[in-house]
Amino acid sequence: MTTSLRRENALLRQTNTLLGRENEAFMERLSEAQRRVEALLAQLPAPDASDEATTKEAAQ
């Protein structure tokens, strides 16, 4: 039984390591996507006063 538990523990440690690496890769992809969205938002023209008034009226 001890041997079986040690094997299972080793497998769980290996799986945990792999999932940790996968999580890091996803976090990097998420950060890159966030940077790209922020860059696109920075390129959008600022709304002028008439656009803001129209948006506020439509929201009411």
Protein backbone atom coordinates (compact mmCIF):
# COMPACT_ATOMS: atom_id res chain seq x y z
CA MET A 1 0.00 0.00 0.00
CA THR A 2 2.87 2.37 0.83
CA THR A 3 4.39 1.83 -2.60
CA SER A 4 1.07 2.49 -4.27
CA LEU A 5 0.62 5.74 -2.35
CA ARG A 6 4.16 6.86 -3.17
CA ARG A 7 3.52 6.23 -6.87
CA GLU A 8 0.25 8.12 -6.69
CA ASN A 9 1.95 10.99 -4.84
CA ALA A 10 4.69 11.19 -7.49
CA LEU A 11 2.08 11.23 -10.23
CA LEU A 12 0.13 13.96 -8.46
CA ARG A 13 3.29 16.06 -8.05
CA GLN A 14 4.07 15.66 -11.75
CA THR A 15 0.51 16.61 -12.70
CA ASN A 16 0.65 19.60 -10.37
CA THR A 17 3.88 20.80 -11.99
CA LEU A 18 2.42 20.46 -15.48
CA LEU A 19 -0.75 22.31 -14.50
CA GLY A 20 1.33 25.07 -12.92
CA ARG A 21 3.26 25.53 -16.17
CA GLU A 22 0.03 25.52 -18.17
CA ASN A 23 -1.43 28.14 -15.83
CA GLU A 24 1.65 30.34 -16.29
CA ALA A 25 1.29 30.08 -20.07
CA PHE A 26 -2.38 31.07 -19.86
CA MET A 27 -1.53 34.01 -17.63
CA GLU A 28 1.06 35.20 -20.16
CA ARG A 29 -1.49 34.91 -22.97
CA LEU A 30 -4.03 36.82 -20.91
CA SER A 31 -1.53 39.59 -20.17
CA GLU A 32 -0.64 39.85 -23.85
CA ALA A 33 -4.31 40.04 -24.82
CA GLN A 34 -4.87 42.76 -22.23
CA ARG A 35 -1.92 44.78 -23.59
CA ARG A 36 -3.30 44.45 -27.12
CA VAL A 37 -6.81 45.55 -26.09
CA GLU A 38 -5.39 48.52 -24.17
CA ALA A 39 -3.33 49.50 -27.22
CA LEU A 40 -6.43 49.35 -29.41
CA LEU A 41 -8.44 51.41 -26.92
CA ALA A 42 -5.68 54.01 -26.85
CA GLN A 43 -6.02 54.39 -30.63
CA LEU A 44 -9.73 55.18 -30.47
CA PRO A 45 -10.59 58.85 -30.83
CA ALA A 46 -11.84 60.59 -27.72
CA PRO A 47 -15.59 61.28 -27.79
CA ASP A 48 -16.54 64.91 -28.23
CA ALA A 49 -19.17 66.70 -26.15
CA SER A 50 -22.04 66.02 -28.56
CA ASP A 51 -21.27 62.27 -28.56
CA GLU A 52 -21.29 62.20 -24.75
CA ALA A 53 -24.64 64.02 -24.57
CA THR A 54 -26.20 61.64 -27.10
CA THR A 55 -24.91 58.63 -25.17
CA LYS A 56 -26.30 59.97 -21.88
CA GLU A 57 -29.71 60.66 -23.45
CA ALA A 58 -29.85 57.15 -24.94
CA ALA A 59 -29.00 55.61 -21.58
CA GLN A 60 -31.94 57.31 -19.88
